[in-house]
């Protein structure tokens, strides 16, 4: 059985948490198929909070390690969606 896992990450303070979060994401880039990040940005406002959506692939043990390391970063809320793919 194949699994598709999607991580949703809410970053409460992008300025404070960006460096450590980016470091973890770079370390696990080999198992990130899709990465989508967004935050409010206008000519008057650049929001300090933001969201990242990750589609994972490859070794599910690596996914677990990625989730564990992200979970150790204060200022992040991590949500997981997991789908069993039937072909």
PDB file of N, CA and C in Angstrom:
ATOM      1  N   UNK A   1       0.843  -1.173   0.000  1.00  0.00           N
ATOM      2  CA  UNK A   1       0.000   0.000   0.000  1.00  0.00           C
ATOM      3  C   UNK A   1       0.892   1.240   0.000  1.00  0.00           C
ATOM      4  N   UNK A   2       0.531   2.216  -0.827  1.00  0.00           N
ATOM      5  CA  UNK A   2       1.265   3.470  -0.883  1.00  0.00           C
ATOM      6  C   UNK A   2       0.552   4.525  -0.060  1.00  0.00           C
ATOM      7  N   UNK A   3       1.321   5.408   0.489  1.00  0.00           N
ATOM      8  CA  UNK A   3       0.774   6.472   1.320  1.00  0.00           C
ATOM      9  C   UNK A   3       1.160   7.813   0.736  1.00  0.00           C
ATOM     10  N   UNK A   4       0.238   8.752   0.807  1.00  0.00           N
ATOM     11  CA  UNK A   4       0.518  10.147   0.487  1.00  0.00           C
ATOM     12  C   UNK A   4       0.357  10.921   1.785  1.00  0.00           C
ATOM     13  N   UNK A   5       1.363  11.680   2.155  1.00  0.00           N
ATOM     14  CA  UNK A   5       1.287  12.484   3.371  1.00  0.00           C
ATOM     15  C   UNK A   5       1.476  13.948   3.020  1.00  0.00           C
ATOM     16  N   UNK A   6       0.594  14.769   3.573  1.00  0.00           N
ATOM     17  CA  UNK A   6       0.643  16.212   3.377  1.00  0.00           C
ATOM     18  C   UNK A   6       0.773  16.854   4.751  1.00  0.00           C
ATOM     19  N   UNK A   7       1.749  17.743   4.894  1.00  0.00           N
ATOM     20  CA  UNK A   7       1.935  18.474   6.149  1.00  0.00           C
ATOM     21  C   UNK A   7       1.477  19.909   5.963  1.00  0.00           C
ATOM     22  N   UNK A   8       0.714  20.397   6.909  1.00  0.00           N
ATOM     23  CA  UNK A   8       0.345  21.807   6.956  1.00  0.00           C
ATOM     24  C   UNK A   8       1.044  22.431   8.148  1.00  0.00           C
ATOM     25  N   UNK A   9       1.742  23.511   7.898  1.00  0.00           N
ATOM     26  CA  UNK A   9       2.514  24.165   8.958  1.00  0.00           C
ATOM     27  C   UNK A   9       2.060  25.615   9.071  1.00  0.00           C
ATOM     28  N   UNK A  10       1.629  26.001  10.263  1.00  0.00           N
ATOM     29  CA  UNK A  10       1.345  27.402  10.529  1.00  0.00           C
ATOM     30  C   UNK A  10       2.542  27.963  11.288  1.00  0.00           C
ATOM     31  N   UNK A  11       3.102  29.022  10.746  1.00  0.00           N
ATOM     32  CA  UNK A  11       4.252  29.683  11.362  1.00  0.00           C
ATOM     33  C   UNK A  11       3.721  30.957  12.022  1.00  0.00           C
ATOM     34  N   UNK A  12       3.852  31.045  13.336  1.00  0.00           N
ATOM     35  CA  UNK A  12       3.284  32.169  14.066  1.00  0.00           C
ATOM     36  C   UNK A  12       4.146  33.427  14.014  1.00  0.00           C
ATOM     37  N   UNK A  13       5.450  33.267  13.821  1.00  0.00           N
ATOM     38  CA  UNK A  13       6.334  34.429  13.717  1.00  0.00           C
ATOM     39  C   UNK A  13       7.405  34.116  12.675  1.00  0.00           C
ATOM     40  N   UNK A  14       7.123  34.468  11.427  1.00  0.00           N
ATOM     41  CA  UNK A  14       8.017  34.126  10.325  1.00  0.00           C
ATOM     42  C   UNK A  14       9.418  34.688  10.537  1.00  0.00           C
ATOM     43  N   UNK A  15       9.512  35.887  11.043  1.00  0.00           N
ATOM     44  CA  UNK A  15      10.821  36.527  11.222  1.00  0.00           C
ATOM     45  C   UNK A  15      11.657  35.749  12.228  1.00  0.00           C
ATOM     46  N   UNK A  16      11.044  35.326  13.318  1.00  0.00           N
ATOM     47  CA  UNK A  16      11.762  34.606  14.371  1.00  0.00           C
ATOM     48  C   UNK A  16      12.071  33.163  13.979  1.00  0.00           C
ATOM     49  N   UNK A  17      11.129  32.475  13.319  1.00  0.00           N
ATOM     50  CA  UNK A  17      11.252  31.038  13.082  1.00  0.00           C
ATOM     51  C   UNK A  17      11.758  30.659  11.689  1.00  0.00           C
ATOM     52  N   UNK A  18      11.904  31.618  10.793  1.00  0.00           N
ATOM     53  CA  UNK A  18      12.235  31.305   9.394  1.00  0.00           C
ATOM     54  C   UNK A  18      13.557  30.558   9.252  1.00  0.00           C
ATOM     55  N   UNK A  19      14.586  30.976   9.939  1.00  0.00           N
ATOM     56  CA  UNK A  19      15.906  30.363   9.785  1.00  0.00           C
ATOM     57  C   UNK A  19      15.927  28.895  10.167  1.00  0.00           C
ATOM     58  N   UNK A  20      15.425  28.587  11.327  1.00  0.00           N
ATOM     59  CA  UNK A  20      15.441  27.194  11.792  1.00  0.00           C
ATOM     60  C   UNK A  20      14.494  26.324  10.957  1.00  0.00           C
ATOM     61  N   UNK A  21      13.337  26.880  10.610  1.00  0.00           N
ATOM     62  CA  UNK A  21      12.383  26.133   9.790  1.00  0.00           C
ATOM     63  C   UNK A  21      12.988  25.828   8.429  1.00  0.00           C
ATOM     64  N   UNK A  22      13.595  26.825   7.799  1.00  0.00           N
ATOM     65  CA  UNK A  22      14.210  26.623   6.490  1.00  0.00           C
ATOM     66  C   UNK A  22      15.336  25.598   6.560  1.00  0.00           C
ATOM     67  N   UNK A  23      16.099  25.616   7.632  1.00  0.00           N
ATOM     68  CA  UNK A  23      17.186  24.659   7.803  1.00  0.00           C
ATOM     69  C   UNK A  23      16.656  23.220   7.818  1.00  0.00           C
ATOM     70  N   UNK A  24      15.580  22.990   8.557  1.00  0.00           N
ATOM     71  CA  UNK A  24      14.986  21.650   8.626  1.00  0.00           C
ATOM     72  C   UNK A  24      14.427  21.258   7.265  1.00  0.00           C
ATOM     73  N   UNK A  25      13.711  22.168   6.611  1.00  0.00           N
ATOM     74  CA  UNK A  25      13.140  21.855   5.305  1.00  0.00           C
ATOM     75  C   UNK A  25      14.229  21.555   4.279  1.00  0.00           C
ATOM     76  N   UNK A  26      15.325  22.265   4.331  1.00  0.00           N
ATOM     77  CA  UNK A  26      16.437  22.006   3.409  1.00  0.00           C
ATOM     78  C   UNK A  26      17.059  20.638   3.665  1.00  0.00           C
ATOM     79  N   UNK A  27      17.182  20.266   4.926  1.00  0.00           N
ATOM     80  CA  UNK A  27      17.767  18.971   5.282  1.00  0.00           C
ATOM     81  C   UNK A  27      16.915  17.809   4.762  1.00  0.00           C
ATOM     82  N   UNK A  28      15.611  18.023   4.653  1.00  0.00           N
ATOM     83  CA  UNK A  28      14.700  16.970   4.200  1.00  0.00           C
ATOM     84  C   UNK A  28      14.146  17.249   2.800  1.00  0.00           C
ATOM     85  N   UNK A  29      14.827  18.069   2.035  1.00  0.00           N
ATOM     86  CA  UNK A  29      14.365  18.415   0.682  1.00  0.00           C
ATOM     87  C   UNK A  29      14.213  17.181  -0.203  1.00  0.00           C
ATOM     88  N   UNK A  30      14.985  16.143   0.078  1.00  0.00           N
ATOM     89  CA  UNK A  30      14.932  14.923  -0.728  1.00  0.00           C
ATOM     90  C   UNK A  30      13.599  14.182  -0.623  1.00  0.00           C
ATOM     91  N   UNK A  31      12.785  14.518   0.369  1.00  0.00           N
ATOM     92  CA  UNK A  31      11.491  13.843   0.492  1.00  0.00           C
ATOM     93  C   UNK A  31      10.310  14.816   0.399  1.00  0.00           C
ATOM     94  N   UNK A  32      10.577  16.040  -0.094  1.00  0.00           N
ATOM     95  CA  UNK A  32       9.516  17.022  -0.307  1.00  0.00           C
ATOM     96  C   UNK A  32       9.278  17.154  -1.804  1.00  0.00           C
ATOM     97  N   UNK A  33       8.115  16.703  -2.255  1.00  0.00           N
ATOM     98  CA  UNK A  33       7.780  16.791  -3.679  1.00  0.00           C
ATOM     99  C   UNK A  33       7.244  18.175  -4.015  1.00  0.00           C
ATOM    100  N   UNK A  34       6.356  18.697  -3.167  1.00  0.00           N
ATOM    101  CA  UNK A  34       5.730  19.995  -3.414  1.00  0.00           C
ATOM    102  C   UNK A  34       5.789  20.823  -2.147  1.00  0.00           C
ATOM    103  N   UNK A  35       6.112  22.101  -2.324  1.00  0.00           N
ATOM    104  CA  UNK A  35       6.144  23.029  -1.188  1.00  0.00           C
ATOM    105  C   UNK A  35       5.430  24.302  -1.609  1.00  0.00           C
ATOM    106  N   UNK A  36       4.439  24.690  -0.821  1.00  0.00           N
ATOM    107  CA  UNK A  36       3.673  25.895  -1.092  1.00  0.00           C
ATOM    108  C   UNK A  36       3.658  26.729   0.175  1.00  0.00           C
ATOM    109  N   UNK A  37       4.090  27.962   0.069  1.00  0.00           N
ATOM    110  CA  UNK A  37       4.091  28.844   1.224  1.00  0.00           C
ATOM    111  C   UNK A  37       3.355  30.126   0.904  1.00  0.00           C
ATOM    112  N   UNK A  38       2.626  30.647   1.873  1.00  0.00           N
ATOM    113  CA  UNK A  38       1.921  31.892   1.638  1.00  0.00           C
ATOM    114  C   UNK A  38       1.707  32.650   2.936  1.00  0.00           C
ATOM    115  N   UNK A  39       1.666  33.963   2.788  1.00  0.00           N
ATOM    116  CA  UNK A  39       1.373  34.866   3.897  1.00  0.00           C
ATOM    117  C   UNK A  39       0.805  36.145   3.298  1.00  0.00           C
ATOM    118  N   UNK A  40       0.160  36.933   4.138  1.00  0.00           N
ATOM    119  CA  UNK A  40      -0.427  38.182   3.675  1.00  0.00           C
ATOM    120  C   UNK A  40       0.677  39.175   3.345  1.00  0.00           C
ATOM    121  N   UNK A  41       0.572  39.776   2.181  1.00  0.00           N
ATOM    122  CA  UNK A  41       1.554  40.763   1.753  1.00  0.00           C
ATOM    123  C   UNK A  41       0.835  41.843   0.960  1.00  0.00           C
ATOM    124  N   UNK A  42       0.879  43.066   1.471  1.00  0.00           N
ATOM    125  CA  UNK A  42       0.335  44.216   0.760  1.00  0.00           C
ATOM    126  C   UNK A  42       1.380  45.320   0.818  1.00  0.00           C
ATOM    127  N   UNK A  43       1.071  46.443   0.213  1.00  0.00           N
ATOM    128  CA  UNK A  43       2.015  47.557   0.265  1.00  0.00           C
ATOM    129  C   UNK A  43       2.147  48.116   1.681  1.00  0.00           C
ATOM    130  N   UNK A  44       1.148  47.851   2.537  1.00  0.00           N
ATOM    131  CA  UNK A  44       1.191  48.347   3.917  1.00  0.00           C
ATOM    132  C   UNK A  44       1.572  47.284   4.939  1.00  0.00           C
ATOM    133  N   UNK A  45       1.348  46.006   4.615  1.00  0.00           N
ATOM    134  CA  UNK A  45       1.489  44.949   5.616  1.00  0.00           C
ATOM    135  C   UNK A  45       2.256  43.762   5.048  1.00  0.00           C
ATOM    136  N   UNK A  46       3.190  43.254   5.836  1.00  0.00           N
ATOM    137  CA  UNK A  46       3.820  41.965   5.564  1.00  0.00           C
ATOM    138  C   UNK A  46       3.618  41.146   6.836  1.00  0.00           C
ATOM    139  N   UNK A  47       2.681  40.240   6.769  1.00  0.00           N
ATOM    140  CA  UNK A  47       2.265  39.488   7.942  1.00  0.00           C
ATOM    141  C   UNK A  47       3.417  38.698   8.554  1.00  0.00           C
ATOM    142  N   UNK A  48       3.460  38.641   9.867  1.00  0.00           N
ATOM    143  CA  UNK A  48       4.483  37.866  10.569  1.00  0.00           C
ATOM    144  C   UNK A  48       4.139  36.384  10.602  1.00  0.00           C
ATOM    145  N   UNK A  49       2.854  36.047  10.394  1.00  0.00           N
ATOM    146  CA  UNK A  49       2.494  34.636  10.373  1.00  0.00           C
ATOM    147  C   UNK A  49       2.302  34.180   8.932  1.00  0.00           C
ATOM    148  N   UNK A  50       2.417  32.887   8.733  1.00  0.00           N
ATOM    149  CA  UNK A  50       2.292  32.344   7.391  1.00  0.00           C
ATOM    150  C   UNK A  50       1.987  30.864   7.446  1.00  0.00           C
ATOM    151  N   UNK A  51       1.806  30.284   6.278  1.00  0.00           N
ATOM    152  CA  UNK A  51       1.470  28.875   6.165  1.00  0.00           C
ATOM    153  C   UNK A  51       2.360  28.220   5.123  1.00  0.00           C
ATOM    154  N   UNK A  52       2.711  26.964   5.375  1.00  0.00           N
ATOM    155  CA  UNK A  52       3.483  26.156   4.434  1.00  0.00           C
ATOM    156  C   UNK A  52       2.744  24.830   4.284  1.00  0.00           C
ATOM    157  N   UNK A  53       2.590  24.384   3.045  1.00  0.00           N
ATOM    158  CA  UNK A  53       1.989  23.085   2.762  1.00  0.00           C
ATOM    159  C   UNK A  53       3.046  22.246   2.052  1.00  0.00           C
ATOM    160  N   UNK A  54       3.284  21.041   2.567  1.00  0.00           N
ATOM    161  CA  UNK A  54       4.284  20.139   1.995  1.00  0.00           C
ATOM    162  C   UNK A  54       3.628  18.839   1.558  1.00  0.00           C
ATOM    163  N   UNK A  55       3.938  18.399   0.340  1.00  0.00           N
ATOM    164  CA  UNK A  55       3.559  17.062  -0.117  1.00  0.00           C
ATOM    165  C   UNK A  55       4.827  16.224  -0.049  1.00  0.00           C
ATOM    166  N   UNK A  56       4.784  15.127   0.688  1.00  0.00           N
ATOM    167  CA  UNK A  56       5.970  14.305   0.907  1.00  0.00           C
ATOM    168  C   UNK A  56       5.951  13.077   0.006  1.00  0.00           C
ATOM    169  N   UNK A  57       7.142  12.559  -0.304  1.00  0.00           N
ATOM    170  CA  UNK A  57       7.258  11.313  -1.053  1.00  0.00           C
ATOM    171  C   UNK A  57       8.518  10.591  -0.611  1.00  0.00           C
ATOM    172  N   UNK A  58       8.635   9.331  -1.003  1.00  0.00           N
ATOM    173  CA  UNK A  58       9.823   8.559  -0.638  1.00  0.00           C
ATOM    174  C   UNK A  58       9.602   7.745   0.619  1.00  0.00           C
ATOM    175  N   UNK A  59      10.616   7.742   1.469  1.00  0.00           N
ATOM    176  CA  UNK A  59      10.672   6.914   2.672  1.00  0.00           C
ATOM    177  C   UNK A  59       9.854   7.532   3.808  1.00  0.00           C
ATOM    178  N   UNK A  60       8.824   6.819   4.260  1.00  0.00           N
ATOM    179  CA  UNK A  60       7.977   7.352   5.330  1.00  0.00           C
ATOM    180  C   UNK A  60       8.731   7.508   6.651  1.00  0.00           C
ATOM    181  N   UNK A  61       9.833   6.781   6.844  1.00  0.00           N
ATOM    182  CA  UNK A  61      10.648   6.987   8.049  1.00  0.00           C
ATOM    183  C   UNK A  61      11.261   8.387   8.040  1.00  0.00           C
ATOM    184  N   UNK A  62      11.643   8.862   6.866  1.00  0.00           N
ATOM    185  CA  UNK A  62      12.169  10.224   6.741  1.00  0.00           C
ATOM    186  C   UNK A  62      11.083  11.252   7.026  1.00  0.00           C
ATOM    187  N   UNK A  63       9.850  10.963   6.611  1.00  0.00           N
ATOM    188  CA  UNK A  63       8.737  11.867   6.892  1.00  0.00           C
ATOM    189  C   UNK A  63       8.560  12.028   8.396  1.00  0.00           C
ATOM    190  N   UNK A  64       8.649  10.899   9.111  1.00  0.00           N
ATOM    191  CA  UNK A  64       8.497  10.930  10.563  1.00  0.00           C
ATOM    192  C   UNK A  64       9.587  11.777  11.212  1.00  0.00           C
ATOM    193  N   UNK A  65      10.817  11.640  10.722  1.00  0.00           N
ATOM    194  CA  UNK A  65      11.926  12.437  11.256  1.00  0.00           C
ATOM    195  C   UNK A  65      11.704  13.923  10.980  1.00  0.00           C
ATOM    196  N   UNK A  66      11.244  14.244   9.768  1.00  0.00           N
ATOM    197  CA  UNK A  66      10.948  15.638   9.418  1.00  0.00           C
ATOM    198  C   UNK A  66       9.887  16.201  10.354  1.00  0.00           C
ATOM    199  N   UNK A  67       8.815  15.465  10.553  1.00  0.00           N
ATOM    200  CA  UNK A  67       7.760  15.917  11.457  1.00  0.00           C
ATOM    201  C   UNK A  67       8.282  16.117  12.874  1.00  0.00           C
ATOM    202  N   UNK A  68       9.117  15.214  13.334  1.00  0.00           N
ATOM    203  CA  UNK A  68       9.670  15.318  14.687  1.00  0.00           C
ATOM    204  C   UNK A  68      10.515  16.588  14.831  1.00  0.00           C
ATOM    205  N   UNK A  69      11.370  16.846  13.849  1.00  0.00           N
ATOM    206  CA  UNK A  69      12.226  18.039  13.924  1.00  0.00           C
ATOM    207  C   UNK A  69      11.406  19.319  13.826  1.00  0.00           C
ATOM    208  N   UNK A  70      10.404  19.337  12.954  1.00  0.00           N
ATOM    209  CA  UNK A  70       9.541  20.517  12.873  1.00  0.00           C
ATOM    210  C   UNK A  70       8.784  20.713  14.176  1.00  0.00           C
ATOM    211  N   UNK A  71       8.362  19.617  14.807  1.00  0.00           N
ATOM    212  CA  UNK A  71       7.627  19.686  16.066  1.00  0.00           C
ATOM    213  C   UNK A  71       8.442  20.251  17.214  1.00  0.00           C
ATOM    214  N   UNK A  72       9.766  20.216  17.087  1.00  0.00           N
ATOM    215  CA  UNK A  72      10.646  20.747  18.127  1.00  0.00           C
ATOM    216  C   UNK A  72      10.832  22.262  18.018  1.00  0.00           C
ATOM    217  N   UNK A  73      10.357  22.841  16.928  1.00  0.00           N
ATOM    218  CA  UNK A  73      10.508  24.283  16.734  1.00  0.00           C
ATOM    219  C   UNK A  73       9.327  24.992  17.378  1.00  0.00           C
ATOM    220  N   UNK A  74       9.604  25.857  18.330  1.00  0.00           N
ATOM    221  CA  UNK A  74       8.543  26.650  18.934  1.00  0.00           C
ATOM    222  C   UNK A  74       7.996  27.618  17.901  1.00  0.00           C
ATOM    223  N   UNK A  75       6.724  27.946  18.001  1.00  0.00           N
ATOM    224  CA  UNK A  75       6.146  28.903  17.071  1.00  0.00           C
ATOM    225  C   UNK A  75       5.590  28.283  15.804  1.00  0.00           C
ATOM    226  N   UNK A  76       5.527  26.945  15.751  1.00  0.00           N
ATOM    227  CA  UNK A  76       4.930  26.262  14.608  1.00  0.00           C
ATOM    228  C   UNK A  76       3.772  25.405  15.099  1.00  0.00           C
ATOM    229  N   UNK A  77       2.721  25.336  14.303  1.00  0.00           N
ATOM    230  CA  UNK A  77       1.647  24.374  14.530  1.00  0.00           C
ATOM    231  C   UNK A  77       1.645  23.452  13.324  1.00  0.00           C
ATOM    232  N   UNK A  78       1.780  22.163  13.554  1.00  0.00           N
ATOM    233  CA  UNK A  78       1.910  21.175  12.495  1.00  0.00           C
ATOM    234  C   UNK A  78       0.667  20.291  12.448  1.00  0.00           C
ATOM    235  N   UNK A  79       0.069  20.187  11.270  1.00  0.00           N
ATOM    236  CA  UNK A  79      -1.085  19.321  11.042  1.00  0.00           C
ATOM    237  C   UNK A  79      -0.730  18.336   9.940  1.00  0.00           C
ATOM    238  N   UNK A  80      -1.229  17.105  10.043  1.00  0.00           N
ATOM    239  CA  UNK A  80      -0.869  16.045   9.106  1.00  0.00           C
ATOM    240  C   UNK A  80      -2.124  15.465   8.460  1.00  0.00           C
ATOM    241  N   UNK A  81      -2.040  15.279   7.149  1.00  0.00           N
ATOM    242  CA  UNK A  81      -3.066  14.532   6.414  1.00  0.00           C
ATOM    243  C   UNK A  81      -2.377  13.338   5.791  1.00  0.00           C
ATOM    244  N   UNK A  82      -2.959  12.168   5.930  1.00  0.00           N
ATOM    245  CA  UNK A  82      -2.372  10.941   5.385  1.00  0.00           C
ATOM    246  C   UNK A  82      -3.441  10.208   4.584  1.00  0.00           C
ATOM    247  N   UNK A  83      -3.073   9.789   3.378  1.00  0.00           N
ATOM    248  CA  UNK A  83      -3.996   9.104   2.486  1.00  0.00           C
ATOM    249  C   UNK A  83      -3.380   7.778   2.064  1.00  0.00           C
ATOM    250  N   UNK A  84      -4.151   6.710   2.110  1.00  0.00           N
ATOM    251  CA  UNK A  84      -3.730   5.427   1.560  1.00  0.00           C
ATOM    252  C   UNK A  84      -4.109   5.423   0.089  1.00  0.00           C
ATOM    253  N   UNK A  85      -3.118   5.273  -0.774  1.00  0.00           N
ATOM    254  CA  UNK A  85      -3.360   5.278  -2.212  1.00  0.00           C
ATOM    255  C   UNK A  85      -3.576   3.857  -2.704  1.00  0.00           C
ATOM    256  N   UNK A  86      -4.661   3.666  -3.372  1.00  0.00           N
ATOM    257  CA  UNK A  86      -4.993   2.355  -3.910  1.00  0.00           C
ATOM    258  C   UNK A  86      -4.966   2.462  -5.427  1.00  0.00           C
ATOM    259  N   UNK A  87      -4.118   1.686  -6.062  1.00  0.00           N
ATOM    260  CA  UNK A  87      -4.000   1.724  -7.522  1.00  0.00           C
ATOM    261  C   UNK A  87      -4.511   0.449  -8.113  1.00  0.00           C
TER     262      UNK A  87
END
